[in-house]
């Protein structure tokens, strides 16, 4: 006969503990399973989900702790976008530039005055 302890001191990962505390249950379960006769506890067979969330697996640079963060949108609406502000800002600037150019060209062609050229050049130099 082997003496099997009922408790074991192991690390607890929860935010409240984060230290070694007493744990019990695993060794008693293993001891019960080790005997002849097959599975002693009921095994839960649940079917897997068909729709899964998209999960970002993030790793801390300092301590290398891995955490998973689910994205709360469907898979069809997910787009990975470059987050640098410069490119987005340039695209927005280019759109405004094109709209103003069309608007000023329309005003210049309808009035057909020489003064509109100076206004057009001043506004375009702003962008």
N, C-alpha and C. Protein backbone atom coordinates (compact mmCIF):
# COMPACT_ATOMS: atom_id res chain seq x y z
N UNK A 1 0.85 -1.19 0.00
CA UNK A 1 0.00 0.00 0.00
C UNK A 1 0.89 1.24 0.00
N UNK A 2 0.52 2.23 -0.83
CA UNK A 2 1.28 3.47 -0.94
C UNK A 2 0.51 4.57 -0.26
N UNK A 3 1.19 5.37 0.53
CA UNK A 3 0.56 6.51 1.17
C UNK A 3 0.42 7.65 0.16
N UNK A 4 -0.80 8.07 -0.09
CA UNK A 4 -1.08 9.16 -1.03
C UNK A 4 -1.61 10.33 -0.23
N UNK A 5 -0.92 11.49 -0.27
CA UNK A 5 -1.42 12.64 0.49
C UNK A 5 -2.71 13.18 -0.11
N UNK A 6 -3.58 13.73 0.75
CA UNK A 6 -4.86 14.26 0.28
C UNK A 6 -4.71 15.66 -0.31
N UNK A 7 -3.70 16.38 0.10
CA UNK A 7 -3.50 17.75 -0.41
C UNK A 7 -2.09 17.90 -0.95
N UNK A 8 -1.92 18.93 -1.81
CA UNK A 8 -0.61 19.23 -2.39
C UNK A 8 -0.49 20.73 -2.53
N UNK A 9 0.66 21.28 -2.22
CA UNK A 9 0.88 22.72 -2.38
C UNK A 9 1.35 22.99 -3.80
N UNK A 10 0.53 23.70 -4.57
CA UNK A 10 0.90 24.08 -5.93
C UNK A 10 0.52 25.54 -6.16
N UNK A 11 1.00 26.10 -7.26
CA UNK A 11 0.78 27.51 -7.58
C UNK A 11 -0.64 27.74 -8.08
N UNK A 12 -1.28 28.78 -7.57
CA UNK A 12 -2.62 29.18 -8.02
C UNK A 12 -2.49 30.41 -8.91
N UNK A 13 -3.04 30.36 -10.14
CA UNK A 13 -2.87 31.44 -11.11
C UNK A 13 -3.88 32.56 -10.99
N UNK A 14 -4.87 32.43 -10.11
CA UNK A 14 -5.91 33.46 -10.03
C UNK A 14 -5.33 34.77 -9.52
N UNK A 15 -6.02 35.88 -9.83
CA UNK A 15 -5.52 37.20 -9.45
C UNK A 15 -5.52 37.41 -7.95
N UNK A 16 -6.42 36.71 -7.24
CA UNK A 16 -6.49 36.89 -5.79
C UNK A 16 -5.29 36.23 -5.10
N UNK A 17 -4.88 35.05 -5.59
CA UNK A 17 -3.82 34.29 -4.90
C UNK A 17 -2.44 34.66 -5.43
N UNK A 18 -2.13 34.15 -6.60
CA UNK A 18 -0.80 34.28 -7.21
C UNK A 18 0.30 33.83 -6.26
N UNK A 19 0.07 32.71 -5.60
CA UNK A 19 1.08 32.13 -4.71
C UNK A 19 0.78 30.64 -4.58
N UNK A 20 1.68 29.92 -3.92
CA UNK A 20 1.48 28.50 -3.68
C UNK A 20 0.47 28.30 -2.57
N UNK A 21 -0.59 27.54 -2.85
CA UNK A 21 -1.61 27.23 -1.86
C UNK A 21 -1.93 25.74 -1.91
N UNK A 22 -2.67 25.28 -0.92
CA UNK A 22 -3.05 23.87 -0.88
C UNK A 22 -4.09 23.56 -1.94
N UNK A 23 -3.89 22.46 -2.67
CA UNK A 23 -4.85 21.98 -3.65
C UNK A 23 -5.14 20.52 -3.35
N UNK A 24 -6.37 20.11 -3.60
CA UNK A 24 -6.69 18.70 -3.40
C UNK A 24 -7.65 18.24 -4.48
N UNK A 25 -7.72 16.94 -4.67
CA UNK A 25 -8.64 16.38 -5.64
C UNK A 25 -7.95 15.59 -6.73
N UNK A 26 -6.88 16.09 -7.30
CA UNK A 26 -6.22 15.44 -8.43
C UNK A 26 -5.63 14.10 -8.03
N UNK A 27 -4.92 14.06 -6.91
CA UNK A 27 -4.27 12.81 -6.51
C UNK A 27 -5.29 11.74 -6.15
N UNK A 28 -6.37 12.15 -5.50
CA UNK A 28 -7.39 11.17 -5.15
C UNK A 28 -8.06 10.63 -6.42
N UNK A 29 -8.28 11.50 -7.39
CA UNK A 29 -8.87 11.07 -8.66
C UNK A 29 -7.94 10.09 -9.37
N UNK A 30 -6.64 10.43 -9.43
CA UNK A 30 -5.67 9.55 -10.08
C UNK A 30 -5.60 8.19 -9.39
N UNK A 31 -5.67 8.20 -8.05
CA UNK A 31 -5.62 6.95 -7.29
C UNK A 31 -6.84 6.08 -7.61
N UNK A 32 -8.00 6.71 -7.74
CA UNK A 32 -9.21 5.96 -8.04
C UNK A 32 -9.16 5.39 -9.46
N UNK A 33 -8.59 6.15 -10.39
CA UNK A 33 -8.52 5.72 -11.78
C UNK A 33 -7.48 4.62 -11.98
N UNK A 34 -6.47 4.55 -11.11
CA UNK A 34 -5.35 3.63 -11.34
C UNK A 34 -5.74 2.17 -11.12
N UNK A 35 -6.84 1.92 -10.46
CA UNK A 35 -7.24 0.53 -10.20
C UNK A 35 -7.78 -0.15 -11.45
N UNK A 36 -7.98 -1.47 -11.35
CA UNK A 36 -8.51 -2.25 -12.46
C UNK A 36 -10.00 -1.97 -12.61
N UNK A 37 -10.48 -1.87 -13.83
CA UNK A 37 -11.91 -1.71 -14.04
C UNK A 37 -12.27 -0.56 -14.96
N UNK A 38 -11.29 0.12 -15.51
CA UNK A 38 -11.58 1.17 -16.49
C UNK A 38 -11.98 2.49 -15.86
N UNK A 39 -12.73 3.26 -16.61
CA UNK A 39 -13.12 4.61 -16.18
C UNK A 39 -14.08 4.52 -15.00
N UNK A 40 -13.79 5.31 -13.95
CA UNK A 40 -14.62 5.28 -12.75
C UNK A 40 -15.54 6.47 -12.64
N UNK A 41 -15.31 7.50 -13.45
CA UNK A 41 -16.16 8.69 -13.41
C UNK A 41 -16.83 8.85 -14.78
N UNK A 42 -18.01 9.44 -14.83
CA UNK A 42 -18.64 9.66 -16.14
C UNK A 42 -17.86 10.68 -16.96
N UNK A 43 -17.71 10.40 -18.25
CA UNK A 43 -16.98 11.29 -19.15
C UNK A 43 -18.02 12.09 -19.93
N UNK A 44 -17.86 13.42 -19.92
CA UNK A 44 -18.82 14.32 -20.57
C UNK A 44 -18.44 14.49 -22.03
N UNK A 45 -19.31 14.05 -22.94
CA UNK A 45 -19.06 14.16 -24.37
C UNK A 45 -20.00 15.20 -24.96
N UNK A 46 -19.57 16.42 -25.02
CA UNK A 46 -20.39 17.48 -25.61
C UNK A 46 -19.85 17.80 -27.00
N UNK A 47 -20.75 18.01 -27.91
CA UNK A 47 -20.34 18.34 -29.27
C UNK A 47 -19.70 19.73 -29.31
N UNK A 48 -18.76 19.90 -30.22
CA UNK A 48 -18.07 21.18 -30.34
C UNK A 48 -18.98 22.21 -30.99
N UNK A 49 -18.73 23.47 -30.69
CA UNK A 49 -19.50 24.55 -31.30
C UNK A 49 -19.16 24.65 -32.78
N UNK A 50 -20.14 25.07 -33.57
CA UNK A 50 -19.89 25.23 -35.00
C UNK A 50 -19.40 26.63 -35.33
N UNK A 51 -19.81 27.62 -34.56
CA UNK A 51 -19.33 28.99 -34.80
C UNK A 51 -18.42 29.39 -33.66
N UNK A 52 -17.22 29.74 -33.99
CA UNK A 52 -16.23 30.09 -32.98
C UNK A 52 -15.92 31.58 -33.06
N UNK A 53 -15.51 32.14 -31.93
CA UNK A 53 -15.08 33.53 -31.91
C UNK A 53 -13.64 33.61 -32.41
N UNK A 54 -13.30 34.75 -32.98
CA UNK A 54 -11.92 35.00 -33.36
C UNK A 54 -11.19 35.48 -32.13
N UNK A 55 -10.06 34.85 -31.83
CA UNK A 55 -9.33 35.14 -30.60
C UNK A 55 -7.94 35.63 -30.94
N UNK A 56 -7.57 36.77 -30.36
CA UNK A 56 -6.20 37.27 -30.50
C UNK A 56 -5.36 36.68 -29.38
N UNK A 57 -4.25 36.07 -29.72
CA UNK A 57 -3.37 35.48 -28.71
C UNK A 57 -2.21 36.46 -28.50
N UNK A 58 -2.24 37.15 -27.37
CA UNK A 58 -1.27 38.21 -27.10
C UNK A 58 -0.26 37.74 -26.08
N UNK A 59 1.01 38.08 -26.30
CA UNK A 59 2.07 37.68 -25.38
C UNK A 59 2.76 38.92 -24.85
N UNK A 60 2.92 38.97 -23.54
CA UNK A 60 3.60 40.09 -22.89
C UNK A 60 5.07 40.07 -23.26
N UNK A 61 5.64 41.22 -23.55
CA UNK A 61 7.04 41.29 -23.92
C UNK A 61 7.97 41.12 -22.73
N UNK A 62 7.51 41.53 -21.55
CA UNK A 62 8.37 41.43 -20.38
C UNK A 62 8.41 40.05 -19.78
N UNK A 63 7.23 39.53 -19.39
CA UNK A 63 7.20 38.26 -18.66
C UNK A 63 6.78 37.08 -19.53
N UNK A 64 6.47 37.30 -20.80
CA UNK A 64 6.10 36.26 -21.76
C UNK A 64 4.79 35.55 -21.40
N UNK A 65 3.94 36.20 -20.60
CA UNK A 65 2.64 35.62 -20.25
C UNK A 65 1.70 35.75 -21.44
N UNK A 66 1.05 34.66 -21.81
CA UNK A 66 0.17 34.65 -22.98
C UNK A 66 -1.27 34.82 -22.52
N UNK A 67 -1.98 35.76 -23.15
CA UNK A 67 -3.40 35.96 -22.84
C UNK A 67 -4.18 35.97 -24.14
N UNK A 68 -5.43 35.52 -24.07
CA UNK A 68 -6.28 35.45 -25.25
C UNK A 68 -7.43 36.43 -25.11
N UNK A 69 -7.67 37.23 -26.15
CA UNK A 69 -8.73 38.23 -26.13
C UNK A 69 -9.67 37.98 -27.30
N UNK A 70 -10.93 37.62 -27.03
CA UNK A 70 -11.87 37.40 -28.13
C UNK A 70 -12.33 38.72 -28.74
N UNK A 71 -12.51 38.72 -30.06
CA UNK A 71 -13.02 39.89 -30.76
C UNK A 71 -14.54 39.75 -30.81
N UNK A 72 -15.25 40.82 -30.48
CA UNK A 72 -16.70 40.73 -30.31
C UNK A 72 -17.46 41.06 -31.59
N UNK A 73 -16.89 40.76 -32.75
CA UNK A 73 -17.59 40.92 -34.02
C UNK A 73 -17.55 39.60 -34.76
N UNK A 74 -18.44 39.44 -35.73
CA UNK A 74 -18.46 38.21 -36.50
C UNK A 74 -17.26 38.11 -37.42
N UNK A 75 -17.01 36.91 -37.92
CA UNK A 75 -15.85 36.69 -38.76
C UNK A 75 -15.96 37.41 -40.09
N UNK A 76 -17.20 37.66 -40.55
CA UNK A 76 -17.38 38.29 -41.86
C UNK A 76 -17.01 39.77 -41.82
N UNK A 77 -17.09 40.42 -40.64
CA UNK A 77 -16.83 41.85 -40.57
C UNK A 77 -15.42 42.17 -40.10
N UNK A 78 -14.59 41.18 -39.89
CA UNK A 78 -13.24 41.43 -39.38
C UNK A 78 -12.32 41.87 -40.51
N UNK A 79 -11.58 42.95 -40.28
CA UNK A 79 -10.58 43.41 -41.23
C UNK A 79 -9.35 43.84 -40.45
N UNK A 80 -8.20 43.33 -40.81
CA UNK A 80 -6.96 43.77 -40.18
C UNK A 80 -6.51 45.04 -40.90
N UNK A 81 -6.41 46.13 -40.15
CA UNK A 81 -6.12 47.43 -40.73
C UNK A 81 -4.81 47.93 -40.16
N UNK A 82 -4.05 48.59 -40.99
CA UNK A 82 -2.81 49.19 -40.51
C UNK A 82 -3.17 50.39 -39.64
N UNK A 83 -2.59 50.44 -38.44
CA UNK A 83 -3.04 51.43 -37.46
C UNK A 83 -2.16 52.68 -37.43
N UNK A 84 -1.18 52.76 -38.30
CA UNK A 84 -0.37 53.97 -38.30
C UNK A 84 -1.22 55.15 -38.77
N UNK A 85 -1.17 56.25 -38.04
CA UNK A 85 -2.03 57.38 -38.32
C UNK A 85 -1.64 58.07 -39.63
N UNK A 86 -0.38 57.99 -39.99
CA UNK A 86 0.11 58.71 -41.16
C UNK A 86 -0.59 58.34 -42.44
N UNK A 87 -0.73 57.04 -42.70
CA UNK A 87 -1.34 56.60 -43.96
C UNK A 87 -2.82 56.95 -44.01
N UNK A 88 -3.53 56.72 -42.90
CA UNK A 88 -4.95 57.06 -42.86
C UNK A 88 -5.14 58.56 -43.05
N UNK A 89 -4.28 59.35 -42.42
CA UNK A 89 -4.37 60.79 -42.51
C UNK A 89 -4.12 61.25 -43.94
N UNK A 90 -3.13 60.63 -44.62
CA UNK A 90 -2.84 61.00 -46.00
C UNK A 90 -4.01 60.66 -46.91
N UNK A 91 -4.64 59.50 -46.70
CA UNK A 91 -5.79 59.13 -47.53
C UNK A 91 -6.93 60.13 -47.34
N UNK A 92 -7.19 60.51 -46.10
CA UNK A 92 -8.25 61.48 -45.82
C UNK A 92 -7.94 62.82 -46.46
N UNK A 93 -6.67 63.23 -46.38
CA UNK A 93 -6.24 64.49 -46.97
C UNK A 93 -6.42 64.47 -48.49
N UNK A 94 -6.09 63.35 -49.11
CA UNK A 94 -6.20 63.22 -50.55
C UNK A 94 -7.66 63.31 -51.00
N UNK A 95 -8.57 62.74 -50.23
CA UNK A 95 -10.00 62.80 -50.57
C UNK A 95 -10.50 64.23 -50.51
N UNK A 96 -10.13 64.96 -49.44
CA UNK A 96 -10.54 66.36 -49.31
C UNK A 96 -9.95 67.18 -50.47
N UNK A 97 -8.71 66.90 -50.81
CA UNK A 97 -8.04 67.62 -51.90
C UNK A 97 -8.80 67.41 -53.21
N UNK A 98 -9.20 66.18 -53.50
CA UNK A 98 -9.92 65.89 -54.74
C UNK A 98 -11.29 66.56 -54.77
N UNK A 99 -11.99 66.55 -53.65
CA UNK A 99 -13.31 67.19 -53.59
C UNK A 99 -13.19 68.69 -53.81
N UNK A 100 -12.23 69.33 -53.14
CA UNK A 100 -12.05 70.77 -53.31
C UNK A 100 -11.64 71.12 -54.73
N UNK A 101 -10.80 70.29 -55.31
CA UNK A 101 -10.36 70.55 -56.68
C UNK A 101 -11.55 70.52 -57.64
N UNK A 102 -12.42 69.53 -57.50
CA UNK A 102 -13.61 69.44 -58.36
C UNK A 102 -14.54 70.63 -58.13
N UNK A 103 -14.73 70.99 -56.87
CA UNK A 103 -15.62 72.10 -56.53
C UNK A 103 -15.10 73.42 -57.10
N UNK A 104 -13.82 73.68 -56.93
CA UNK A 104 -13.24 74.93 -57.43
C UNK A 104 -13.19 74.97 -58.96
N UNK A 105 -12.97 73.82 -59.57
CA UNK A 105 -12.99 73.78 -61.03
C UNK A 105 -14.39 74.10 -61.56
N UNK A 106 -15.41 73.59 -60.86
CA UNK A 106 -16.79 73.87 -61.25
C UNK A 106 -17.09 75.36 -61.10
N UNK A 107 -16.66 75.98 -60.00
CA UNK A 107 -16.88 77.42 -59.79
C UNK A 107 -16.13 78.22 -60.84
N UNK A 108 -14.89 77.84 -61.11
CA UNK A 108 -14.06 78.57 -62.07
C UNK A 108 -14.66 78.48 -63.48
N UNK A 109 -15.17 77.30 -63.84
CA UNK A 109 -15.73 77.16 -65.19
C UNK A 109 -17.07 77.88 -65.33
N UNK A 110 -17.83 77.98 -64.24
CA UNK A 110 -19.12 78.66 -64.34
C UNK A 110 -18.95 80.18 -64.35
N UNK A 111 -17.99 80.71 -63.58
CA UNK A 111 -17.79 82.16 -63.53
C UNK A 111 -16.91 82.65 -64.67
N UNK A 112 -15.91 81.83 -65.02
CA UNK A 112 -14.97 82.16 -66.08
C UNK A 112 -14.28 83.51 -65.82
N UNK A 113 -13.77 83.67 -64.61
CA UNK A 113 -13.05 84.89 -64.23
C UNK A 113 -11.59 84.57 -63.97
N UNK A 114 -10.74 85.58 -64.13
CA UNK A 114 -9.31 85.38 -63.89
C UNK A 114 -8.98 85.33 -62.40
N UNK A 115 -9.81 85.95 -61.54
CA UNK A 115 -9.53 85.98 -60.10
C UNK A 115 -9.65 84.59 -59.46
N UNK A 116 -10.43 83.72 -60.07
CA UNK A 116 -10.61 82.38 -59.49
C UNK A 116 -9.33 81.57 -59.54
N UNK A 117 -8.44 81.88 -60.50
CA UNK A 117 -7.17 81.16 -60.57
C UNK A 117 -6.35 81.39 -59.31
N UNK A 118 -6.31 82.63 -58.82
CA UNK A 118 -5.57 82.93 -57.60
C UNK A 118 -6.16 82.24 -56.39
N UNK A 119 -7.49 82.21 -56.30
CA UNK A 119 -8.16 81.53 -55.18
C UNK A 119 -7.87 80.04 -55.23
N UNK A 120 -7.92 79.48 -56.44
CA UNK A 120 -7.67 78.06 -56.61
C UNK A 120 -6.25 77.70 -56.18
N UNK A 121 -5.28 78.51 -56.59
CA UNK A 121 -3.89 78.23 -56.23
C UNK A 121 -3.66 78.38 -54.73
N UNK A 122 -4.30 79.38 -54.11
CA UNK A 122 -4.15 79.55 -52.66
C UNK A 122 -4.72 78.36 -51.89
N UNK A 123 -5.88 77.89 -52.30
CA UNK A 123 -6.49 76.76 -51.60
C UNK A 123 -5.71 75.47 -51.81
N UNK A 124 -5.18 75.28 -53.02
CA UNK A 124 -4.41 74.07 -53.28
C UNK A 124 -3.08 74.08 -52.55
N UNK A 125 -2.51 75.26 -52.35
CA UNK A 125 -1.24 75.33 -51.61
C UNK A 125 -1.46 75.01 -50.13
N UNK A 126 -2.69 75.22 -49.64
CA UNK A 126 -3.01 74.88 -48.25
C UNK A 126 -2.92 73.38 -48.03
N UNK A 127 -3.31 72.60 -49.05
CA UNK A 127 -3.27 71.15 -48.95
C UNK A 127 -1.98 70.62 -49.52
